[in-house]
Amino acid sequence: MSVQMILLPLFVHVALVLAVLLRAVKSTEVTADGLRAGMVAVLFYTLTILALYTRKADIIFVVLAWVFVLLRLISAFPQLLSAEARGRINFGVSFDLASLAVLALMWGLFAFAILLNI
């Protein structure tokens, strides 16, 4: 895998986080959900850097990274809308849970690959 292919999902996720943060700053909203999303972002960024550094980023990693980022985009979409539009759209926590499951799977596969040296 090329460095560009490995880091592209990370760059897209960074753009998403910046857009959500910009929206939160404009409306002065700081919530527990925002803090949790920040922690998820840190875990994703850390894993991407570690996978790149250890050369464990393969096609499975990149596909899972894209799945994670797409789920985060879908989950964050209502936050980027106006207050009245947000009230009409309610995705619930299903996309958040799905993205966390994908991230946990990514961490598990990475740990497995490191510990078994495969």
C-alpha atoms as a PDB file:
ATOM      1  CA  MET A   1       0.000   0.000   0.000  1.00  0.00           C
ATOM      2  CA  SER A   2       1.218   3.480  -0.788  1.00  0.00           C
ATOM      3  CA  VAL A   3       1.502   6.122   1.899  1.00  0.00           C
ATOM      4  CA  GLN A   4      -1.114   8.218   0.092  1.00  0.00           C
ATOM      5  CA  MET A   5      -3.662   5.377   0.105  1.00  0.00           C
ATOM      6  CA  ILE A   6      -3.053   4.715   3.804  1.00  0.00           C
ATOM      7  CA  LEU A   7      -3.329   8.347   4.851  1.00  0.00           C
ATOM      8  CA  LEU A   8      -6.214   9.431   2.600  1.00  0.00           C
ATOM      9  CA  PRO A   9      -8.962   8.182   4.993  1.00  0.00           C
ATOM     10  CA  LEU A  10      -7.172   9.994   7.827  1.00  0.00           C
ATOM     11  CA  PHE A  11      -7.154  13.259   5.855  1.00  0.00           C
ATOM     12  CA  VAL A  12     -10.869  12.933   5.099  1.00  0.00           C
ATOM     13  CA  HIS A  13     -11.582  12.293   8.778  1.00  0.00           C
ATOM     14  CA  VAL A  14      -9.482  15.307   9.794  1.00  0.00           C
ATOM     15  CA  ALA A  15     -11.556  17.461   7.438  1.00  0.00           C
ATOM     16  CA  LEU A  16     -14.738  16.106   9.026  1.00  0.00           C
ATOM     17  CA  VAL A  17     -13.508  16.778  12.562  1.00  0.00           C
ATOM     18  CA  LEU A  18     -12.485  20.308  11.605  1.00  0.00           C
ATOM     19  CA  ALA A  19     -15.902  20.967  10.033  1.00  0.00           C
ATOM     20  CA  VAL A  20     -17.714  19.697  13.140  1.00  0.00           C
ATOM     21  CA  LEU A  21     -15.432  21.721  15.412  1.00  0.00           C
ATOM     22  CA  LEU A  22     -15.973  24.844  13.324  1.00  0.00           C
ATOM     23  CA  ARG A  23     -19.733  24.353  13.560  1.00  0.00           C
ATOM     24  CA  ALA A  24     -19.463  23.833  17.336  1.00  0.00           C
ATOM     25  CA  VAL A  25     -17.364  26.983  17.769  1.00  0.00           C
ATOM     26  CA  LYS A  26     -19.875  29.055  15.800  1.00  0.00           C
ATOM     27  CA  SER A  27     -22.765  27.831  17.949  1.00  0.00           C
ATOM     28  CA  THR A  28     -20.721  27.642  21.184  1.00  0.00           C
ATOM     29  CA  GLU A  29     -21.788  24.017  21.728  1.00  0.00           C
ATOM     30  CA  VAL A  30     -19.387  21.824  23.655  1.00  0.00           C
ATOM     31  CA  THR A  31     -20.976  18.518  24.552  1.00  0.00           C
ATOM     32  CA  ALA A  32     -19.967  15.133  25.889  1.00  0.00           C
ATOM     33  CA  ASP A  33     -20.676  13.750  22.415  1.00  0.00           C
ATOM     34  CA  GLY A  34     -18.103  16.132  20.995  1.00  0.00           C
ATOM     35  CA  LEU A  35     -15.516  15.067  23.531  1.00  0.00           C
ATOM     36  CA  ARG A  36     -16.190  11.381  22.812  1.00  0.00           C
ATOM     37  CA  ALA A  37     -15.847  12.044  19.088  1.00  0.00           C
ATOM     38  CA  GLY A  38     -12.496  13.678  19.807  1.00  0.00           C
ATOM     39  CA  MET A  39     -11.289  10.602  21.653  1.00  0.00           C
ATOM     40  CA  VAL A  40     -12.412   8.369  18.784  1.00  0.00           C
ATOM     41  CA  ALA A  41     -10.483  10.616  16.393  1.00  0.00           C
ATOM     42  CA  VAL A  42      -7.325  10.332  18.505  1.00  0.00           C
ATOM     43  CA  LEU A  43      -7.614   6.530  18.517  1.00  0.00           C
ATOM     44  CA  PHE A  44      -8.068   6.468  14.734  1.00  0.00           C
ATOM     45  CA  TYR A  45      -5.142   8.834  14.101  1.00  0.00           C
ATOM     46  CA  THR A  46      -2.886   6.904  16.457  1.00  0.00           C
ATOM     47  CA  LEU A  47      -3.739   3.591  14.828  1.00  0.00           C
ATOM     48  CA  THR A  48      -3.124   4.966  11.337  1.00  0.00           C
ATOM     49  CA  ILE A  49       0.273   6.344  12.312  1.00  0.00           C
ATOM     50  CA  LEU A  50       1.262   3.103  14.058  1.00  0.00           C
ATOM     51  CA  ALA A  51       0.095   0.949  11.143  1.00  0.00           C
ATOM     52  CA  LEU A  52       2.034   3.111   8.699  1.00  0.00           C
ATOM     53  CA  TYR A  53       5.178   3.156  10.847  1.00  0.00           C
ATOM     54  CA  THR A  54       5.144  -0.611  11.459  1.00  0.00           C
ATOM     55  CA  ARG A  55       4.209  -1.347   7.816  1.00  0.00           C
ATOM     56  CA  LYS A  56       1.084  -3.241   8.917  1.00  0.00           C
ATOM     57  CA  ALA A  57      -1.254  -1.100   6.816  1.00  0.00           C
ATOM     58  CA  ASP A  58      -2.541  -3.408   4.103  1.00  0.00           C
ATOM     59  CA  ILE A  59      -5.625  -3.413   1.895  1.00  0.00           C
ATOM     60  CA  ILE A  60      -7.807  -4.667   4.768  1.00  0.00           C
ATOM     61  CA  PHE A  61      -6.638  -1.766   6.926  1.00  0.00           C
ATOM     62  CA  VAL A  62      -7.400   0.795   4.215  1.00  0.00           C
ATOM     63  CA  VAL A  63     -10.851  -0.663   3.500  1.00  0.00           C
ATOM     64  CA  LEU A  64     -11.721  -0.685   7.219  1.00  0.00           C
ATOM     65  CA  ALA A  65     -10.392   2.868   7.558  1.00  0.00           C
ATOM     66  CA  TRP A  66     -12.730   3.987   4.762  1.00  0.00           C
ATOM     67  CA  VAL A  67     -15.664   2.169   6.347  1.00  0.00           C
ATOM     68  CA  PHE A  68     -14.875   3.915   9.656  1.00  0.00           C
ATOM     69  CA  VAL A  69     -14.636   7.345   8.021  1.00  0.00           C
ATOM     70  CA  LEU A  70     -17.847   6.879   6.024  1.00  0.00           C
ATOM     71  CA  LEU A  71     -19.728   5.844   9.169  1.00  0.00           C
ATOM     72  CA  ARG A  72     -18.353   8.909  10.990  1.00  0.00           C
ATOM     73  CA  LEU A  73     -19.426  11.141   8.074  1.00  0.00           C
ATOM     74  CA  ILE A  74     -22.960   9.752   8.183  1.00  0.00           C
ATOM     75  CA  SER A  75     -23.042  10.113  11.955  1.00  0.00           C
ATOM     76  CA  ALA A  76     -21.803  13.719  11.878  1.00  0.00           C
ATOM     77  CA  PHE A  77     -24.047  14.877   9.038  1.00  0.00           C
ATOM     78  CA  PRO A  78     -26.879  16.153  11.311  1.00  0.00           C
ATOM     79  CA  GLN A  79     -24.393  18.165  13.396  1.00  0.00           C
ATOM     80  CA  LEU A  80     -23.388  20.130  10.316  1.00  0.00           C
ATOM     81  CA  LEU A  81     -26.958  21.222   9.626  1.00  0.00           C
ATOM     82  CA  SER A  82     -28.923  24.082  11.121  1.00  0.00           C
ATOM     83  CA  ALA A  83     -30.789  23.569  14.396  1.00  0.00           C
ATOM     84  CA  GLU A  84     -34.211  23.143  12.774  1.00  0.00           C
ATOM     85  CA  ALA A  85     -32.883  20.690  10.172  1.00  0.00           C
ATOM     86  CA  ARG A  86     -31.136  18.765  12.940  1.00  0.00           C
ATOM     87  CA  GLY A  87     -34.444  18.309  14.735  1.00  0.00           C
ATOM     88  CA  ARG A  88     -35.964  16.629  11.683  1.00  0.00           C
ATOM     89  CA  ILE A  89     -33.080  14.182  11.152  1.00  0.00           C
ATOM     90  CA  ASN A  90     -32.311  11.680  13.883  1.00  0.00           C
ATOM     91  CA  PHE A  91     -29.872   8.893  13.090  1.00  0.00           C
ATOM     92  CA  GLY A  92     -29.530   7.764  16.690  1.00  0.00           C
ATOM     93  CA  VAL A  93     -26.391   6.154  17.948  1.00  0.00           C
ATOM     94  CA  SER A  94     -26.323   3.233  15.519  1.00  0.00           C
ATOM     95  CA  PHE A  95     -23.724   4.776  13.200  1.00  0.00           C
ATOM     96  CA  ASP A  96     -21.587   5.809  16.177  1.00  0.00           C
ATOM     97  CA  LEU A  97     -21.677   2.266  17.536  1.00  0.00           C
ATOM     98  CA  ALA A  98     -20.924   0.811  14.117  1.00  0.00           C
ATOM     99  CA  SER A  99     -17.919   3.107  13.683  1.00  0.00           C
ATOM    100  CA  LEU A 100     -16.650   2.181  17.151  1.00  0.00           C
ATOM    101  CA  ALA A 101     -17.025  -1.513  16.290  1.00  0.00           C
ATOM    102  CA  VAL A 102     -15.001  -1.013  13.096  1.00  0.00           C
ATOM    103  CA  LEU A 103     -12.322   0.903  15.023  1.00  0.00           C
ATOM    104  CA  ALA A 104     -12.169  -1.854  17.664  1.00  0.00           C
ATOM    105  CA  LEU A 105     -11.807  -4.443  14.889  1.00  0.00           C
ATOM    106  CA  MET A 106      -9.006  -2.405  13.324  1.00  0.00           C
ATOM    107  CA  TRP A 107      -7.177  -2.183  16.670  1.00  0.00           C
ATOM    108  CA  GLY A 108      -7.690  -5.902  17.264  1.00  0.00           C
ATOM    109  CA  LEU A 109      -6.310  -6.865  13.851  1.00  0.00           C
ATOM    110  CA  PHE A 110      -3.367  -4.508  14.330  1.00  0.00           C
ATOM    111  CA  ALA A 111      -2.553  -5.920  17.779  1.00  0.00           C
ATOM    112  CA  PHE A 112      -2.887  -9.460  16.417  1.00  0.00           C
ATOM    113  CA  ALA A 113      -0.513  -8.678  13.536  1.00  0.00           C
ATOM    114  CA  ILE A 114       2.047  -7.053  15.853  1.00  0.00           C
ATOM    115  CA  LEU A 115       1.930  -9.711  18.566  1.00  0.00           C
ATOM    116  CA  LEU A 116       2.145 -12.634  16.133  1.00  0.00           C
ATOM    117  CA  ASN A 117       4.558 -10.802  13.833  1.00  0.00           C
ATOM    118  CA  ILE A 118       2.524 -11.386  10.684  1.00  0.00           C
END
